[in-house]
Every structure is written in C-alpha cells, then in structure tokens.
N, C-alpha and C. Protein backbone atom coordinates (compact mmCIF):
# COMPACT_ATOMS: atom_id res chain seq x y z
N MET A 1 -10.21 -38.88 -0.58
CA MET A 1 -9.82 -37.51 -0.78
C MET A 1 -8.32 -37.36 -0.80
N LYS A 2 -7.83 -36.48 -1.66
CA LYS A 2 -6.41 -36.20 -1.73
C LYS A 2 -6.17 -34.78 -1.21
N VAL A 3 -5.04 -34.57 -0.62
CA VAL A 3 -4.69 -33.24 -0.12
C VAL A 3 -3.57 -32.70 -0.99
N ASP A 4 -3.80 -31.50 -1.53
CA ASP A 4 -2.82 -30.85 -2.38
C ASP A 4 -1.89 -30.02 -1.49
N ALA A 5 -0.62 -30.38 -1.45
CA ALA A 5 0.32 -29.70 -0.56
C ALA A 5 1.45 -29.05 -1.36
N LYS A 6 1.11 -28.40 -2.48
CA LYS A 6 2.13 -27.76 -3.30
C LYS A 6 2.73 -26.55 -2.60
N VAL A 7 1.89 -25.74 -1.98
CA VAL A 7 2.36 -24.56 -1.27
C VAL A 7 2.05 -24.79 0.21
N PRO A 8 3.06 -24.93 1.06
CA PRO A 8 2.82 -25.34 2.45
C PRO A 8 2.08 -24.32 3.29
N HIS A 9 2.15 -23.02 2.98
CA HIS A 9 1.53 -22.02 3.84
C HIS A 9 0.10 -21.68 3.41
N LEU A 10 -0.41 -22.35 2.39
CA LEU A 10 -1.79 -22.14 1.97
C LEU A 10 -2.67 -23.20 2.61
N PRO A 11 -3.96 -22.92 2.74
CA PRO A 11 -4.84 -23.97 3.23
C PRO A 11 -4.86 -25.12 2.23
N PRO A 12 -4.91 -26.36 2.69
CA PRO A 12 -4.87 -27.48 1.75
C PRO A 12 -6.09 -27.51 0.85
N ALA A 13 -5.86 -27.79 -0.41
CA ALA A 13 -6.96 -27.89 -1.37
C ALA A 13 -7.43 -29.33 -1.39
N LEU A 14 -8.66 -29.56 -0.98
CA LEU A 14 -9.20 -30.91 -0.96
C LEU A 14 -9.80 -31.22 -2.32
N THR A 15 -9.43 -32.34 -2.89
CA THR A 15 -9.91 -32.73 -4.21
C THR A 15 -10.46 -34.15 -4.11
N ASP A 16 -11.67 -34.33 -4.62
CA ASP A 16 -12.22 -35.68 -4.63
C ASP A 16 -12.04 -36.31 -6.01
N GLU A 17 -12.49 -37.54 -6.17
CA GLU A 17 -12.27 -38.27 -7.41
C GLU A 17 -13.10 -37.73 -8.58
N GLN A 18 -14.15 -36.95 -8.35
CA GLN A 18 -14.99 -36.42 -9.42
C GLN A 18 -14.40 -35.17 -10.06
N GLY A 19 -13.30 -34.69 -9.59
CA GLY A 19 -12.66 -33.54 -10.22
C GLY A 19 -12.98 -32.22 -9.54
N GLY A 20 -13.88 -32.21 -8.58
CA GLY A 20 -14.17 -30.98 -7.87
C GLY A 20 -12.99 -30.63 -6.98
N GLY A 21 -12.92 -29.41 -6.52
CA GLY A 21 -11.79 -29.04 -5.67
C GLY A 21 -12.01 -27.71 -5.02
N SER A 22 -11.14 -27.37 -4.13
CA SER A 22 -11.22 -26.07 -3.45
C SER A 22 -9.87 -25.40 -3.51
N GLY A 23 -9.28 -25.36 -4.71
CA GLY A 23 -7.95 -24.77 -4.88
C GLY A 23 -7.99 -23.26 -4.77
N TRP A 24 -6.82 -22.71 -4.49
CA TRP A 24 -6.65 -21.27 -4.35
C TRP A 24 -5.81 -20.76 -5.50
N LYS A 25 -6.04 -19.52 -5.90
CA LYS A 25 -5.26 -18.90 -6.96
C LYS A 25 -4.86 -17.50 -6.52
N LEU A 26 -3.62 -17.12 -6.84
CA LEU A 26 -3.12 -15.80 -6.46
C LEU A 26 -3.86 -14.72 -7.25
N LEU A 27 -4.51 -13.81 -6.54
CA LEU A 27 -5.21 -12.69 -7.17
C LEU A 27 -4.26 -11.52 -7.38
N THR A 28 -3.60 -11.10 -6.32
CA THR A 28 -2.68 -9.97 -6.40
C THR A 28 -1.78 -9.98 -5.18
N THR A 29 -0.79 -9.13 -5.18
CA THR A 29 0.07 -8.95 -4.02
C THR A 29 -0.03 -7.49 -3.61
N ALA A 30 -0.52 -7.27 -2.40
CA ALA A 30 -0.67 -5.91 -1.87
C ALA A 30 0.66 -5.43 -1.31
N ASN A 31 0.87 -4.13 -1.29
CA ASN A 31 2.12 -3.55 -0.80
C ASN A 31 2.31 -3.72 0.70
N ASP A 32 1.22 -3.70 1.48
CA ASP A 32 1.32 -3.84 2.92
C ASP A 32 0.03 -4.42 3.48
N HIS A 33 -0.02 -4.60 4.79
CA HIS A 33 -1.17 -5.23 5.43
C HIS A 33 -2.44 -4.39 5.32
N VAL A 34 -2.31 -3.08 5.38
CA VAL A 34 -3.49 -2.21 5.34
C VAL A 34 -4.20 -2.36 4.00
N ILE A 35 -3.45 -2.27 2.92
CA ILE A 35 -4.06 -2.41 1.59
C ILE A 35 -4.63 -3.80 1.41
N ALA A 36 -3.94 -4.82 1.93
CA ALA A 36 -4.43 -6.19 1.82
C ALA A 36 -5.76 -6.36 2.54
N HIS A 37 -5.89 -5.79 3.71
CA HIS A 37 -7.15 -5.92 4.45
C HIS A 37 -8.27 -5.10 3.81
N LEU A 38 -7.93 -3.98 3.18
CA LEU A 38 -8.95 -3.22 2.46
C LEU A 38 -9.48 -4.02 1.27
N ILE A 39 -8.57 -4.65 0.52
CA ILE A 39 -8.99 -5.48 -0.61
C ILE A 39 -9.80 -6.67 -0.10
N GLU A 40 -9.34 -7.30 0.98
CA GLU A 40 -10.06 -8.43 1.55
C GLU A 40 -11.47 -8.03 1.97
N GLY A 41 -11.61 -6.87 2.60
CA GLY A 41 -12.93 -6.41 3.02
C GLY A 41 -13.86 -6.17 1.84
N ASN A 42 -13.34 -5.59 0.77
CA ASN A 42 -14.17 -5.37 -0.41
C ASN A 42 -14.60 -6.69 -1.05
N LEU A 43 -13.70 -7.66 -1.08
CA LEU A 43 -14.05 -8.95 -1.66
C LEU A 43 -15.02 -9.72 -0.77
N LEU A 44 -14.82 -9.65 0.54
CA LEU A 44 -15.74 -10.33 1.45
C LEU A 44 -17.13 -9.70 1.44
N SER A 45 -17.21 -8.41 1.15
CA SER A 45 -18.52 -7.75 1.12
C SER A 45 -19.40 -8.24 -0.02
N VAL A 46 -18.79 -8.80 -1.06
CA VAL A 46 -19.57 -9.38 -2.16
C VAL A 46 -19.59 -10.90 -2.10
N GLY A 47 -19.05 -11.47 -1.03
CA GLY A 47 -19.15 -12.90 -0.81
C GLY A 47 -18.02 -13.73 -1.39
N ILE A 48 -16.89 -13.14 -1.68
CA ILE A 48 -15.75 -13.88 -2.23
C ILE A 48 -14.80 -14.21 -1.07
N GLU A 49 -14.54 -15.50 -0.90
CA GLU A 49 -13.67 -15.95 0.16
C GLU A 49 -12.21 -15.66 -0.21
N THR A 50 -11.45 -15.13 0.75
CA THR A 50 -10.06 -14.78 0.49
C THR A 50 -9.15 -15.43 1.52
N PHE A 51 -7.89 -15.50 1.17
CA PHE A 51 -6.86 -15.97 2.08
C PHE A 51 -5.67 -15.04 1.93
N LEU A 52 -5.21 -14.46 3.04
CA LEU A 52 -4.07 -13.56 3.03
C LEU A 52 -2.82 -14.31 3.48
N ASP A 53 -1.82 -14.32 2.62
CA ASP A 53 -0.55 -14.96 2.95
C ASP A 53 0.39 -13.88 3.49
N VAL A 54 0.51 -13.81 4.81
CA VAL A 54 1.31 -12.76 5.44
C VAL A 54 2.72 -13.23 5.76
N SER A 55 3.10 -14.39 5.25
CA SER A 55 4.47 -14.86 5.50
C SER A 55 5.44 -13.95 4.77
N ASN A 56 6.57 -13.71 5.41
CA ASN A 56 7.56 -12.79 4.87
C ASN A 56 8.78 -13.58 4.44
N PRO A 57 9.04 -13.69 3.12
CA PRO A 57 10.16 -14.49 2.65
C PRO A 57 11.51 -13.77 2.69
N SER A 58 11.57 -12.55 3.19
CA SER A 58 12.83 -11.81 3.17
C SER A 58 13.83 -12.41 4.15
N PRO A 59 15.12 -12.24 3.90
CA PRO A 59 16.13 -12.83 4.76
C PRO A 59 16.12 -12.29 6.19
N GLY A 60 15.67 -11.07 6.39
CA GLY A 60 15.66 -10.48 7.72
C GLY A 60 14.34 -10.63 8.44
N ALA A 61 13.48 -11.52 7.99
CA ALA A 61 12.15 -11.67 8.58
C ALA A 61 12.22 -12.17 10.01
N PHE A 62 13.28 -12.91 10.36
CA PHE A 62 13.38 -13.44 11.72
C PHE A 62 13.56 -12.32 12.75
N LEU A 63 13.94 -11.13 12.30
CA LEU A 63 14.11 -10.01 13.22
C LEU A 63 12.77 -9.44 13.69
N LYS A 64 11.71 -9.79 12.99
CA LYS A 64 10.37 -9.33 13.37
C LYS A 64 9.49 -10.56 13.60
N PRO A 65 9.57 -11.15 14.79
CA PRO A 65 8.87 -12.41 15.04
C PRO A 65 7.34 -12.27 15.05
N PHE A 66 6.83 -11.08 15.23
CA PHE A 66 5.39 -10.89 15.27
C PHE A 66 4.84 -10.36 13.95
N GLY A 67 5.64 -10.38 12.91
CA GLY A 67 5.20 -9.96 11.59
C GLY A 67 5.64 -8.55 11.27
N ASP A 68 5.66 -8.27 9.99
CA ASP A 68 6.05 -6.96 9.49
C ASP A 68 4.86 -6.34 8.79
N PRO A 69 4.25 -5.30 9.35
CA PRO A 69 3.07 -4.72 8.72
C PRO A 69 3.37 -4.03 7.38
N LEU A 70 4.64 -3.79 7.07
CA LEU A 70 4.99 -3.15 5.81
C LEU A 70 5.44 -4.15 4.75
N ALA A 71 5.38 -5.44 5.06
CA ALA A 71 5.78 -6.47 4.10
C ALA A 71 4.66 -6.72 3.10
N PRO A 72 4.99 -7.13 1.89
CA PRO A 72 3.96 -7.45 0.89
C PRO A 72 3.11 -8.64 1.35
N VAL A 73 1.84 -8.60 0.97
CA VAL A 73 0.90 -9.65 1.35
C VAL A 73 0.27 -10.21 0.07
N ALA A 74 0.35 -11.52 -0.09
CA ALA A 74 -0.28 -12.19 -1.24
C ALA A 74 -1.74 -12.46 -0.91
N ILE A 75 -2.62 -12.14 -1.85
CA ILE A 75 -4.06 -12.34 -1.65
C ILE A 75 -4.51 -13.44 -2.59
N TYR A 76 -5.05 -14.51 -2.01
CA TYR A 76 -5.53 -15.66 -2.77
C TYR A 76 -7.05 -15.71 -2.71
N VAL A 77 -7.66 -16.17 -3.79
CA VAL A 77 -9.10 -16.42 -3.84
C VAL A 77 -9.31 -17.83 -4.39
N ARG A 78 -10.52 -18.33 -4.22
CA ARG A 78 -10.85 -19.64 -4.78
C ARG A 78 -10.77 -19.58 -6.30
N ILE A 79 -10.40 -20.69 -6.92
CA ILE A 79 -10.24 -20.71 -8.37
C ILE A 79 -11.54 -20.36 -9.08
N HIS A 80 -12.66 -20.87 -8.58
CA HIS A 80 -13.93 -20.61 -9.26
C HIS A 80 -14.43 -19.18 -9.06
N GLU A 81 -13.83 -18.42 -8.16
CA GLU A 81 -14.22 -17.02 -7.94
C GLU A 81 -13.17 -16.04 -8.46
N PHE A 82 -12.16 -16.55 -9.15
CA PHE A 82 -11.05 -15.71 -9.57
C PHE A 82 -11.48 -14.61 -10.54
N GLN A 83 -12.28 -14.94 -11.55
CA GLN A 83 -12.69 -13.93 -12.54
C GLN A 83 -13.50 -12.82 -11.90
N GLN A 84 -14.45 -13.19 -11.05
CA GLN A 84 -15.27 -12.17 -10.38
C GLN A 84 -14.40 -11.30 -9.47
N ALA A 85 -13.47 -11.92 -8.77
CA ALA A 85 -12.59 -11.16 -7.88
C ALA A 85 -11.68 -10.22 -8.66
N SER A 86 -11.17 -10.67 -9.80
CA SER A 86 -10.30 -9.80 -10.59
C SER A 86 -11.08 -8.63 -11.18
N LEU A 87 -12.35 -8.84 -11.53
CA LEU A 87 -13.18 -7.73 -12.01
C LEU A 87 -13.43 -6.71 -10.90
N ILE A 88 -13.70 -7.19 -9.71
CA ILE A 88 -13.94 -6.29 -8.58
C ILE A 88 -12.66 -5.52 -8.26
N LEU A 89 -11.53 -6.20 -8.30
CA LEU A 89 -10.25 -5.53 -8.04
C LEU A 89 -9.96 -4.48 -9.11
N HIS A 90 -10.30 -4.78 -10.35
CA HIS A 90 -10.11 -3.82 -11.44
C HIS A 90 -11.01 -2.59 -11.24
N GLU A 91 -12.26 -2.81 -10.82
CA GLU A 91 -13.17 -1.69 -10.56
C GLU A 91 -12.66 -0.83 -9.41
N LEU A 92 -12.09 -1.45 -8.38
CA LEU A 92 -11.55 -0.68 -7.26
C LEU A 92 -10.35 0.15 -7.68
N ASP A 93 -9.57 -0.39 -8.59
CA ASP A 93 -8.34 0.27 -9.00
C ASP A 93 -8.57 1.39 -10.00
N HIS A 94 -9.64 1.33 -10.75
CA HIS A 94 -9.87 2.31 -11.81
C HIS A 94 -11.16 3.10 -11.58
N ARG A 95 -11.16 3.86 -10.51
CA ARG A 95 -12.30 4.74 -10.24
C ARG A 95 -12.17 5.99 -11.09
N PRO A 96 -13.29 6.53 -11.58
CA PRO A 96 -13.19 7.75 -12.39
C PRO A 96 -12.70 8.93 -11.55
N VAL A 97 -11.84 9.73 -12.13
CA VAL A 97 -11.28 10.89 -11.45
C VAL A 97 -12.11 12.12 -11.81
N ASN A 98 -12.42 12.93 -10.83
CA ASN A 98 -13.18 14.15 -11.04
C ASN A 98 -12.19 15.28 -11.29
N PRO A 99 -12.06 15.74 -12.56
CA PRO A 99 -11.06 16.78 -12.84
C PRO A 99 -11.43 18.14 -12.27
N GLU A 100 -12.69 18.34 -11.94
CA GLU A 100 -13.12 19.64 -11.41
C GLU A 100 -12.88 19.76 -9.91
N GLN A 101 -12.51 18.66 -9.27
CA GLN A 101 -12.30 18.71 -7.83
C GLN A 101 -10.99 19.43 -7.54
N ALA A 102 -11.09 20.55 -6.87
CA ALA A 102 -9.92 21.37 -6.54
C ALA A 102 -9.36 20.93 -5.19
N PRO A 103 -8.08 21.17 -4.94
CA PRO A 103 -7.54 20.84 -3.62
C PRO A 103 -8.23 21.68 -2.55
N SER A 104 -8.30 21.17 -1.37
CA SER A 104 -9.00 21.86 -0.30
C SER A 104 -8.25 23.14 0.09
N ARG A 105 -8.94 24.01 0.78
CA ARG A 105 -8.34 25.28 1.21
C ARG A 105 -7.19 25.03 2.18
N ARG A 106 -7.34 24.01 3.01
CA ARG A 106 -6.30 23.71 3.98
C ARG A 106 -5.01 23.32 3.27
N VAL A 107 -5.11 22.49 2.24
CA VAL A 107 -3.91 22.07 1.51
C VAL A 107 -3.28 23.27 0.82
N ARG A 108 -4.11 24.12 0.20
CA ARG A 108 -3.58 25.32 -0.45
C ARG A 108 -2.89 26.23 0.56
N ARG A 109 -3.50 26.39 1.73
CA ARG A 109 -2.93 27.25 2.76
C ARG A 109 -1.59 26.70 3.24
N LEU A 110 -1.48 25.38 3.41
CA LEU A 110 -0.21 24.78 3.83
C LEU A 110 0.88 24.99 2.78
N TRP A 111 0.52 24.86 1.49
CA TRP A 111 1.51 25.09 0.43
C TRP A 111 1.98 26.54 0.42
N VAL A 112 1.07 27.49 0.60
CA VAL A 112 1.43 28.91 0.61
C VAL A 112 2.32 29.21 1.81
N MET A 113 1.99 28.67 2.97
CA MET A 113 2.80 28.92 4.16
C MET A 113 4.19 28.33 4.00
N THR A 114 4.29 27.13 3.42
CA THR A 114 5.59 26.51 3.19
C THR A 114 6.42 27.32 2.22
N LEU A 115 5.81 27.77 1.14
CA LEU A 115 6.51 28.58 0.15
C LEU A 115 7.00 29.89 0.76
N LEU A 116 6.17 30.55 1.56
CA LEU A 116 6.57 31.80 2.20
C LEU A 116 7.71 31.58 3.19
N ALA A 117 7.69 30.48 3.93
CA ALA A 117 8.76 30.19 4.88
C ALA A 117 10.08 29.95 4.16
N VAL A 118 10.03 29.20 3.06
CA VAL A 118 11.26 28.93 2.29
C VAL A 118 11.80 30.21 1.69
N LEU A 119 10.93 31.03 1.15
CA LEU A 119 11.38 32.31 0.58
C LEU A 119 11.95 33.23 1.66
N GLY A 120 11.34 33.25 2.84
CA GLY A 120 11.84 34.09 3.93
C GLY A 120 13.23 33.66 4.38
N VAL A 121 13.45 32.36 4.51
CA VAL A 121 14.77 31.87 4.89
C VAL A 121 15.79 32.19 3.80
N ALA A 122 15.40 32.03 2.54
CA ALA A 122 16.32 32.33 1.44
C ALA A 122 16.70 33.81 1.44
N VAL A 123 15.75 34.69 1.70
CA VAL A 123 16.04 36.13 1.74
C VAL A 123 16.99 36.44 2.89
N LEU A 124 16.77 35.86 4.07
CA LEU A 124 17.67 36.09 5.20
C LEU A 124 19.09 35.61 4.91
N ILE A 125 19.21 34.46 4.28
CA ILE A 125 20.54 33.94 3.94
C ILE A 125 21.23 34.86 2.95
N LEU A 126 20.51 35.32 1.93
CA LEU A 126 21.11 36.23 0.96
C LEU A 126 21.52 37.55 1.59
N LEU A 127 20.68 38.08 2.50
CA LEU A 127 21.04 39.33 3.18
C LEU A 127 22.29 39.16 4.03
N GLU A 128 22.45 38.03 4.70
CA GLU A 128 23.63 37.80 5.51
C GLU A 128 24.87 37.59 4.65
N ILE A 129 24.71 36.91 3.53
CA ILE A 129 25.87 36.66 2.66
C ILE A 129 26.42 37.97 2.11
N PHE A 130 25.55 38.87 1.72
CA PHE A 130 26.00 40.12 1.10
C PHE A 130 26.11 41.28 2.10
N ASP A 131 26.13 41.00 3.39
CA ASP A 131 26.33 41.98 4.46
C ASP A 131 25.30 43.10 4.46
N PHE A 132 24.06 42.80 4.12
CA PHE A 132 23.00 43.82 4.21
C PHE A 132 22.28 43.76 5.54
N ALA A 133 22.56 42.73 6.32
CA ALA A 133 21.88 42.56 7.61
C ALA A 133 22.91 42.06 8.62
N PRO A 134 22.61 42.22 9.92
CA PRO A 134 23.55 41.69 10.92
C PRO A 134 23.63 40.16 10.81
N CYS A 135 24.76 39.65 11.24
CA CYS A 135 25.01 38.22 11.10
C CYS A 135 24.21 37.46 12.16
N VAL A 136 23.26 36.68 11.72
CA VAL A 136 22.44 35.86 12.62
C VAL A 136 22.97 34.43 12.65
N VAL A 137 23.24 33.89 11.48
CA VAL A 137 23.80 32.53 11.38
C VAL A 137 25.24 32.68 10.92
N GLY A 138 26.18 32.32 11.81
CA GLY A 138 27.59 32.55 11.53
C GLY A 138 28.11 31.80 10.32
N ALA A 139 27.49 30.73 9.92
CA ALA A 139 27.96 29.95 8.79
C ALA A 139 27.82 30.70 7.47
N PHE A 140 26.86 31.64 7.42
CA PHE A 140 26.61 32.36 6.16
C PHE A 140 27.31 33.72 6.11
N CYS A 141 27.96 34.11 7.19
CA CYS A 141 28.64 35.40 7.20
C CYS A 141 30.06 35.23 6.68
N LEU A 142 30.43 36.04 5.73
CA LEU A 142 31.78 35.96 5.15
C LEU A 142 32.68 37.03 5.68
C-alpha cells in the first residue's frame, strides 16, 4: 500500500496496486463553521462521508489557538461520491422561493417603529434648528 501525502492536513489516501483508492476531493468552502456543519449534516444524512478542514491559513491564526469559528472551512468528500454530493449541495442552495410569502407582522411592526423613531428625531432636530421649540440638544441650537 502507498500513502498519498500531497496535502498534509487531509486524511491519507490509501491506494493499492489495483488502482482503487480512498482519495478526497474539495466539494466547497463554507464561509464559517456553522454553515460547514450544516452542509456536513445534510451530506451525512444521505450517507456521504465528509471531512472538514478547519485549519486557518491566515497570518494571524496563531492569535486564536483554539480555532476561529468565523474562518472559512473546506469541505472534502470521497472522490467516488463527489457527483452525488455536488448534486445535493446544488439542491440545498437552490430551493424554490415562495413569492406569496409576506414578511411576518413582527418584522413589519419593527420596520414601522424604526421609521417612526427616525422621523420623530428628525422633526425634533428641525424644530430646534429653526427655533420653533426649546433647545433640548445644544449642538443643534444656533
């Protein structure tokens, strides 16, 4: 048996003389650990073995000795499962959007409250600038 040591942080790919092997291929790079584990869970649920490369190649990585949860994570799958894994990843990425789904009432209420607060502050500032109201914030009184 030969051991393939091209990439030192990956599990070694064992190859015998008949041409069989257990090589790994890069499927995608997730933005952070949470997304990487979500993708890994979806792939494991259909029986696809994954390997997450959480090594951080950035120059400041030594400042976080226990890992950086916001660092990109490379997701590897077995070569013989790459096509199936890429199809599953594509299905996860392209879910149909429901155009009739309206934002929830809570989100609408938060937007209305934010808009009213901004308008209220703007009105108070304008009233103070033009001397229609007593000076509350000294920076806006001329």
